[in-house]
Amino acid sequence: MERNFHYILPVLKEAVALCDRPVSVLLSPWSPPQQWKTPPARPKNDASVYGGSQEQIDFTKPQRCNGGSLKPEYYGSWAEYLVKLTQAYLDQGIPVNMLTLQNESIAATPWDSCVWTPSSQKAFLRDHLYPAMERAGLVGRVGLYIWDHNKERVLEWTREVIDEVTRPMVEGVAFHWYSGDHFEAVKMTAEQFPDLKLAFTECCTSSNVPHDPGPVSHKTPETQEWEGAAHYAHDIIGNLNSGMERWFDWNFCLDKEGLPRRPKLKGCLAGIIVDNGDFSTNLIFAYVGHFSRYIQPGAQRMGFSRCDHMVELTAARNPDGTLAVIVLNRGTEDRGYAIRIQGNVIRVHFPARTISTFVLE
């Protein structure tokens, strides 16, 4: 916990103290200690998904990075490790209520990573992690989430891990966006497993910044900023409409170079930019705010229909009885529509490349 005490916990405690509503904290392990792992296998497609060139890899020795798998004889030790980590955070007053079994369960990336199969993750969950959490009194306090990787395989992974025995052990399924929209996969998972919570747990948008060794972008910073914000809103809307209940960014606060990030990779766009102790917010911050400000915790998604697909829309009924309607116009033309609800019609106008929210009594 030494690194956590030095870097992470002071910031987390300050954030929790500043918030005026309950905070949820998720823990996500990236790699067990290298001495418990097999040597990495040669990755097939992670470089193309995540960008950056592969470093020279020694495929004969276990390591924290580049994948490799946890040896079954250390499943029990790793389970106790994760329980101790979770308990240490709780003892510090951090409201941890979610734990994923593995960040990016099949990624052999050049940073800390560990590769699982559905059957191995299922055995780890059933025979080691869940029993360890029961012994520690964490069941009912901290929910377990499986997969925690890109959306296109979320349904098949869930179907292979969940059965009559493991179903009570799992609170939900976590997923990322790096392989594309795949809203259909999220929707099918919600339909086939309606009692599981669906949580989006990571996204980021790369940008061309001065240190980037890749091709120079001809897009202006303003265009990149808007495209990043629109990407965020598009994905949140699509996921909400498909059954997602929780959403986390990956790096909402970065420096002006889009860092820190793994060396040899691009910087990322972020909603908050810190520069020499000062900070500024941008369109990503504003666009995400349309969801976090106006869709209240405990809201229920509402059904809707559209006359065309020129704008993207989601709607929710809040616990206080208001309706929040969020509309994204990614097009280059202004659009005019009528919102009809229970016989009442409201004429609305959505300028090109904007996001709008209506809160209806």
Protein backbone atom coordinates (compact mmCIF):
# COMPACT_ATOMS: atom_id res chain seq x y z
CA MET A 1 0.00 0.00 0.00
CA GLU A 2 3.01 2.33 0.19
CA ARG A 3 2.50 3.79 -3.28
CA ASN A 4 -1.23 4.16 -2.62
CA PHE A 5 -0.60 6.06 0.60
CA HIS A 6 1.86 8.37 -1.14
CA TYR A 7 0.05 9.17 -4.40
CA ILE A 8 -3.51 7.93 -4.63
CA LEU A 9 -5.22 8.01 -1.26
CA PRO A 10 -4.60 11.72 -0.46
CA VAL A 11 -6.25 12.75 -3.74
CA LEU A 12 -9.12 10.28 -3.30
CA LYS A 13 -9.81 11.47 0.24
CA GLU A 14 -9.88 15.09 -0.89
CA ALA A 15 -12.25 14.25 -3.77
CA VAL A 16 -14.62 12.31 -1.52
CA ALA A 17 -14.66 15.19 0.99
CA LEU A 18 -15.51 17.73 -1.73
CA CYS A 19 -18.41 15.78 -3.23
CA ASP A 20 -21.93 16.76 -2.22
CA ARG A 21 -23.43 13.37 -3.05
CA PRO A 22 -22.35 9.75 -2.43
CA VAL A 23 -19.22 8.59 -4.24
CA SER A 24 -18.67 5.14 -5.76
CA VAL A 25 -15.13 3.79 -6.11
CA LEU A 26 -14.12 0.90 -8.34
CA LEU A 27 -10.87 -1.07 -8.03
CA SER A 28 -9.50 -2.88 -11.08
CA PRO A 29 -6.36 -5.09 -10.93
CA TRP A 30 -4.00 -5.00 -13.90
CA SER A 31 -1.40 -7.67 -13.10
CA PRO A 32 -0.48 -10.08 -10.32
CA PRO A 33 3.18 -10.13 -9.21
CA GLN A 34 5.36 -11.45 -12.01
CA GLN A 35 6.64 -14.41 -10.00
CA TRP A 36 3.09 -15.83 -9.95
CA LYS A 37 2.66 -15.64 -13.75
CA THR A 38 3.53 -17.59 -16.86
CA PRO A 39 5.78 -15.96 -19.48
CA PRO A 40 3.89 -13.83 -22.01
CA ALA A 41 2.59 -15.32 -25.23
CA ARG A 42 3.01 -13.39 -28.44
CA PRO A 43 0.12 -10.87 -28.67
CA LYS A 44 -1.90 -10.96 -31.86
CA ASN A 45 -3.87 -7.74 -32.12
CA ASP A 46 -3.40 -5.48 -29.12
CA ALA A 47 -0.93 -3.18 -30.86
CA SER A 48 -3.48 -2.41 -33.55
CA VAL A 49 -6.23 -1.74 -30.98
CA TYR A 50 -4.24 0.36 -28.54
CA GLY A 51 -1.59 1.95 -30.76
CA GLY A 52 2.15 2.20 -30.26
CA SER A 53 4.92 -0.22 -31.20
CA GLN A 54 5.72 -3.30 -29.19
CA GLU A 55 8.87 -3.10 -27.11
CA GLN A 56 11.45 -5.87 -27.22
CA ILE A 57 9.83 -8.67 -25.23
CA ASP A 58 11.53 -11.60 -23.56
CA PHE A 59 9.01 -14.39 -24.10
CA THR A 60 10.92 -16.74 -21.80
CA LYS A 61 10.48 -14.88 -18.50
CA PRO A 62 7.36 -13.95 -16.50
CA GLN A 63 6.73 -10.20 -16.19
CA ARG A 64 4.02 -7.78 -15.15
CA CYS A 65 3.68 -6.42 -18.68
CA ASN A 66 2.84 -8.02 -22.04
CA GLY A 67 0.33 -10.48 -20.68
CA GLY A 68 1.14 -13.92 -19.39
CA SER A 69 -1.35 -15.66 -17.12
CA LEU A 70 -1.71 -16.26 -13.40
CA LYS A 71 -0.61 -19.78 -12.50
CA PRO A 72 -3.47 -21.78 -10.94
CA GLU A 73 -1.38 -22.60 -7.87
CA TYR A 74 -1.42 -18.87 -7.03
CA TYR A 75 -5.17 -18.29 -7.46
CA GLY A 76 -5.66 -18.41 -3.70
CA SER A 77 -2.78 -16.01 -3.00
CA TRP A 78 -4.02 -13.52 -5.61
CA ALA A 79 -7.53 -13.67 -4.17
CA GLU A 80 -6.20 -12.84 -0.69
CA TYR A 81 -4.09 -10.05 -2.22
CA LEU A 82 -7.14 -8.40 -3.78
CA VAL A 83 -9.17 -8.77 -0.60
CA LYS A 84 -6.38 -7.13 1.43
CA LEU A 85 -6.17 -4.26 -1.07
CA THR A 86 -9.92 -3.70 -0.95
CA GLN A 87 -10.02 -3.86 2.84
CA ALA A 88 -7.10 -1.41 3.10
CA TYR A 89 -9.00 1.14 1.00
CA LEU A 90 -12.15 0.67 3.07
CA ASP A 91 -10.13 1.08 6.27
CA GLN A 92 -8.97 4.47 4.95
CA GLY A 93 -12.56 5.59 4.51
CA ILE A 94 -12.64 5.20 0.72
CA PRO A 95 -16.15 4.03 -0.34
CA VAL A 96 -15.10 1.09 -2.52
CA ASN A 97 -18.18 -0.79 -3.68
CA MET A 98 -17.00 -2.36 -6.94
CA LEU A 99 -14.10 -4.67 -7.84
CA THR A 100 -13.43 -6.06 -11.31
CA LEU A 101 -11.66 -9.39 -11.60
CA GLN A 102 -9.18 -8.14 -14.21
CA ASN A 103 -8.64 -5.03 -16.26
CA GLU A 104 -8.93 -6.10 -19.92
CA SER A 105 -9.18 -9.83 -19.41
CA ILE A 106 -7.64 -10.92 -22.72
CA ALA A 107 -5.24 -8.04 -23.44
CA ALA A 108 -1.50 -8.75 -23.71
CA THR A 109 -0.56 -5.08 -23.75
CA PRO A 110 2.96 -3.64 -23.30
CA TRP A 111 1.88 -2.32 -19.91
CA ASP A 112 0.74 -4.27 -16.83
CA SER A 113 -1.64 -6.96 -18.08
CA CYS A 114 -2.75 -10.53 -17.42
CA VAL A 115 -4.56 -12.88 -19.80
CA TRP A 116 -7.46 -15.09 -18.70
CA THR A 117 -9.82 -17.51 -20.38
CA PRO A 118 -13.50 -17.52 -19.40
CA SER A 119 -13.04 -20.89 -17.69
CA SER A 120 -9.98 -19.76 -15.72
CA GLN A 121 -11.68 -16.53 -14.59
CA LYS A 122 -14.75 -18.53 -13.62
CA ALA A 123 -12.67 -20.95 -11.52
CA PHE A 124 -10.81 -18.07 -9.86
CA LEU A 125 -14.09 -16.34 -9.04
CA ARG A 126 -15.93 -19.43 -7.82
CA ASP A 127 -13.23 -21.27 -5.90
CA HIS A 128 -10.99 -18.47 -4.61
CA LEU A 129 -12.02 -14.80 -4.83
CA TYR A 130 -15.65 -15.05 -3.75
CA PRO A 131 -14.85 -17.40 -0.81
CA ALA A 132 -12.05 -15.02 0.27
CA MET A 133 -14.47 -12.09 0.17
CA GLU A 134 -16.98 -14.08 2.22
CA ARG A 135 -14.34 -14.78 4.87
CA ALA A 136 -13.44 -11.07 4.98
CA GLY A 137 -17.06 -9.95 5.28
CA LEU A 138 -16.97 -8.07 1.97
CA VAL A 139 -19.88 -9.84 0.28
CA GLY A 140 -22.77 -7.39 0.13
CA ARG A 141 -20.40 -4.44 0.52
CA VAL A 142 -18.28 -4.76 -2.64
CA GLY A 143 -19.78 -6.06 -5.88
CA LEU A 144 -17.72 -8.17 -8.29
CA TYR A 145 -17.62 -7.34 -12.03
CA ILE A 146 -16.40 -9.64 -14.81
CA TRP A 147 -14.85 -9.02 -18.27
CA ASP A 148 -13.81 -5.31 -18.01
CA HIS A 149 -12.71 -5.24 -21.64
CA ASN A 150 -13.99 -4.19 -25.06
CA LYS A 151 -17.69 -4.43 -25.82
CA GLU A 152 -17.69 -6.77 -28.79
CA ARG A 153 -17.16 -9.88 -26.62
CA VAL A 154 -19.10 -8.85 -23.54
CA LEU A 155 -22.03 -11.20 -24.21
CA GLU A 156 -20.05 -14.34 -25.02
CA TRP A 157 -17.76 -13.85 -21.99
CA THR A 158 -20.73 -13.31 -19.70
CA ARG A 159 -22.47 -16.43 -21.00
CA GLU A 160 -19.38 -18.53 -20.37
CA VAL A 161 -18.68 -17.23 -16.85
CA ILE A 162 -22.21 -17.02 -15.45
CA ASP A 163 -24.03 -20.20 -14.40
CA GLU A 164 -26.29 -21.21 -11.51
CA VAL A 165 -23.32 -21.31 -9.12
CA THR A 166 -21.52 -18.12 -10.14
CA ARG A 167 -24.59 -15.95 -10.78
CA PRO A 168 -25.06 -14.96 -7.09
CA MET A 169 -21.35 -14.10 -6.89
CA VAL A 170 -21.38 -11.49 -9.67
CA GLU A 171 -22.95 -8.04 -9.39
CA GLY A 172 -22.31 -6.96 -12.94
CA VAL A 173 -20.37 -6.83 -16.18
CA ALA A 174 -17.84 -4.12 -17.06
CA PHE A 175 -16.76 -3.07 -20.57
CA HIS A 176 -14.70 -0.54 -22.60
CA TRP A 177 -15.10 1.12 -26.02
CA TYR A 178 -11.76 0.63 -27.84
CA SER A 179 -13.03 -1.78 -30.51
CA GLY A 180 -16.01 0.35 -31.56
CA ASP A 181 -19.63 1.02 -30.63
CA HIS A 182 -21.00 -2.53 -30.28
CA PHE A 183 -24.16 -1.20 -28.64
CA GLU A 184 -25.94 -4.33 -29.83
CA ALA A 185 -23.64 -6.51 -27.72
CA VAL A 186 -24.46 -4.40 -24.66
CA LYS A 187 -28.19 -4.60 -25.40
CA MET A 188 -28.14 -8.38 -25.84
CA THR A 189 -26.26 -8.75 -22.56
CA ALA A 190 -28.85 -6.59 -20.80
CA GLU A 191 -31.68 -8.62 -22.33
CA GLN A 192 -30.20 -12.02 -21.50
CA PHE A 193 -28.95 -11.04 -18.02
CA PRO A 194 -31.45 -8.41 -16.81
CA ASP A 195 -30.42 -8.73 -13.16
CA LEU A 196 -26.74 -7.91 -13.82
CA LYS A 197 -25.57 -4.31 -13.62
CA LEU A 198 -23.79 -3.09 -16.76
CA ALA A 199 -20.92 -0.69 -16.11
CA PHE A 200 -18.82 1.15 -18.68
CA THR A 201 -15.44 1.38 -16.95
CA GLU A 202 -12.90 2.92 -19.33
CA CYS A 203 -12.53 5.15 -22.38
CA CYS A 204 -10.09 7.68 -23.74
CA THR A 205 -9.63 9.56 -27.00
CA SER A 206 -6.14 9.98 -28.43
CA SER A 207 -4.94 13.27 -29.84
CA ASN A 208 -2.00 14.51 -31.85
CA VAL A 209 0.21 16.43 -29.44
CA PRO A 210 3.75 17.76 -29.91
CA HIS A 211 5.60 14.67 -28.58
CA ASP A 212 3.54 12.24 -30.68
CA PRO A 213 5.84 10.23 -33.00
CA GLY A 214 2.96 9.34 -35.33
CA PRO A 215 1.57 11.22 -38.34
CA VAL A 216 0.79 14.88 -37.79
CA SER A 217 -2.94 15.63 -37.73
CA HIS A 218 -4.21 18.40 -39.98
CA LYS A 219 -7.23 18.94 -37.71
CA THR A 220 -7.27 22.04 -35.58
CA PRO A 221 -7.18 21.63 -31.79
CA GLU A 222 -10.76 22.96 -31.70
CA THR A 223 -11.90 20.25 -34.13
CA GLN A 224 -10.13 17.52 -32.17
CA GLU A 225 -11.69 18.80 -28.95
CA TRP A 226 -15.19 18.81 -30.44
CA GLU A 227 -14.80 15.37 -32.00
CA GLY A 228 -13.59 13.99 -28.69
CA ALA A 229 -16.55 15.49 -26.82
CA ALA A 230 -19.01 14.22 -29.42
CA HIS A 231 -17.45 10.75 -29.23
CA TYR A 232 -17.98 10.71 -25.47
CA ALA A 233 -21.62 11.80 -25.79
CA HIS A 234 -22.33 9.37 -28.65
CA ASP A 235 -21.00 6.45 -26.64
CA ILE A 236 -22.78 7.38 -23.41
CA ILE A 237 -26.10 7.78 -25.26
CA GLY A 238 -25.67 4.48 -27.12
CA ASN A 239 -24.72 2.59 -23.98
CA LEU A 240 -27.54 4.09 -21.89
CA ASN A 241 -30.06 3.16 -24.56
CA SER A 242 -28.65 -0.38 -24.59
CA GLY A 243 -28.92 -0.95 -20.83
CA MET A 244 -25.78 0.52 -19.23
CA GLU A 245 -26.27 1.79 -15.68
CA ARG A 246 -22.83 3.21 -14.70
CA TRP A 247 -20.13 5.06 -16.62
CA PHE A 248 -16.48 5.85 -15.80
CA ASP A 249 -13.93 7.82 -17.77
CA TRP A 250 -10.32 6.63 -17.86
CA ASN A 251 -8.40 9.92 -17.67
CA PHE A 252 -10.60 12.91 -16.99
CA CYS A 253 -7.70 15.09 -15.82
CA LEU A 254 -4.40 15.34 -17.76
CA ASP A 255 -1.67 17.86 -18.50
CA LYS A 256 -1.50 19.99 -21.66
CA GLU A 257 0.51 17.25 -23.43
CA GLY A 258 -2.26 14.71 -22.82
CA LEU A 259 -0.10 12.90 -20.26
CA PRO A 260 0.74 10.97 -18.16
CA ARG A 261 0.42 7.91 -20.35
CA ARG A 262 2.53 4.92 -21.27
CA PRO A 263 5.71 6.04 -23.18
CA LYS A 264 5.63 5.72 -26.98
CA LEU A 265 1.87 6.21 -27.09
CA LYS A 266 -0.07 9.34 -28.01
CA GLY A 267 -1.37 11.68 -25.41
CA CYS A 268 -5.10 11.69 -24.73
CA LEU A 269 -7.84 14.25 -24.68
CA ALA A 270 -9.37 14.97 -21.28
CA GLY A 271 -12.13 17.10 -19.79
CA ILE A 272 -9.78 18.90 -17.40
CA ILE A 273 -6.32 20.15 -18.38
CA VAL A 274 -3.76 21.01 -15.68
CA ASP A 275 -0.86 23.35 -16.47
CA ASN A 276 1.60 24.56 -13.81
CA GLY A 277 -0.91 24.33 -11.01
CA ASP A 278 -3.78 25.95 -12.93
CA PHE A 279 -6.56 24.06 -14.65
CA SER A 280 -9.13 24.61 -17.38
CA THR A 281 -12.13 22.65 -18.62
CA ASN A 282 -13.19 22.03 -22.20
CA LEU A 283 -16.00 20.58 -24.31
CA ILE A 284 -15.51 17.03 -23.01
CA PHE A 285 -16.14 18.33 -19.50
CA ALA A 286 -19.23 20.20 -20.69
CA TYR A 287 -20.62 17.31 -22.74
CA VAL A 288 -20.21 14.75 -19.94
CA GLY A 289 -21.85 17.30 -17.64
CA HIS A 290 -25.08 17.03 -19.63
CA PHE A 291 -25.39 13.47 -18.32
CA SER A 292 -23.93 13.79 -14.82
CA ARG A 293 -25.82 16.99 -14.00
CA TYR A 294 -29.24 16.18 -15.39
CA ILE A 295 -29.60 12.39 -15.07
CA GLN A 296 -29.81 11.84 -11.32
CA PRO A 297 -28.58 8.74 -9.46
CA GLY A 298 -31.45 6.26 -9.38
CA ALA A 299 -33.04 7.54 -12.60
CA GLN A 300 -34.81 5.14 -14.97
CA ARG A 301 -34.30 5.26 -18.71
CA MET A 302 -37.39 6.20 -20.70
CA GLY A 303 -38.53 4.79 -24.03
CA PHE A 304 -38.68 7.04 -27.10
CA SER A 305 -39.02 6.97 -30.88
CA ARG A 306 -37.53 9.24 -33.55
CA CYS A 307 -38.66 10.32 -36.98
CA ASP A 308 -35.12 9.96 -38.34
CA HIS A 309 -31.55 9.23 -37.24
CA MET A 310 -30.05 12.66 -37.81
CA VAL A 311 -29.73 13.29 -34.06
CA GLU A 312 -28.97 10.94 -31.14
CA LEU A 313 -31.17 10.96 -28.07
CA THR A 314 -31.63 9.43 -24.63
CA ALA A 315 -34.19 10.19 -21.94
CA ALA A 316 -34.55 9.36 -18.25
CA ARG A 317 -37.10 9.84 -15.48
CA ASN A 318 -35.38 11.17 -12.36
CA PRO A 319 -36.30 10.26 -8.78
CA ASP A 320 -37.67 13.80 -8.28
CA GLY A 321 -40.16 13.22 -11.13
CA THR A 322 -38.47 15.36 -13.77
CA LEU A 323 -37.64 14.03 -17.21
CA ALA A 324 -34.18 14.64 -18.67
CA VAL A 325 -33.94 14.52 -22.47
CA ILE A 326 -30.41 14.75 -23.93
CA VAL A 327 -29.94 15.26 -27.67
CA LEU A 328 -26.68 15.19 -29.65
CA ASN A 329 -26.47 16.70 -33.14
CA ARG A 330 -23.15 15.59 -34.64
CA GLY A 331 -24.15 16.77 -38.09
CA THR A 332 -23.08 19.91 -39.93
CA GLU A 333 -26.64 21.20 -40.35
CA ASP A 334 -29.07 22.70 -37.83
CA ARG A 335 -32.09 20.50 -37.14
CA GLY A 336 -35.64 21.35 -36.09
CA TYR A 337 -37.97 18.86 -34.42
CA ALA A 338 -41.05 18.52 -32.26
CA ILE A 339 -40.85 16.65 -28.96
CA ARG A 340 -44.22 15.09 -28.17
CA ILE A 341 -44.98 13.66 -24.74
CA GLN A 342 -48.43 12.70 -23.49
CA GLY A 343 -50.12 14.81 -26.17
CA ASN A 344 -48.05 17.92 -25.52
CA VAL A 345 -45.73 19.20 -28.26
CA ILE A 346 -42.59 21.31 -27.82
CA ARG A 347 -40.88 22.81 -30.87
CA VAL A 348 -37.12 22.50 -30.55
CA HIS A 349 -34.03 23.58 -32.48
CA PHE A 350 -30.66 21.79 -32.37
CA PRO A 351 -27.77 23.75 -33.92
CA ALA A 352 -25.13 21.80 -35.81
CA ARG A 353 -22.40 20.13 -33.73
CA THR A 354 -24.04 20.73 -30.36
CA ILE A 355 -25.49 18.84 -27.41
CA SER A 356 -28.74 19.97 -25.76
CA THR A 357 -30.63 18.94 -22.63
CA PHE A 358 -34.26 19.56 -21.71
CA VAL A 359 -35.48 19.03 -18.18
CA LEU A 360 -39.27 18.66 -18.17
CA GLU A 361 -41.49 18.84 -15.13
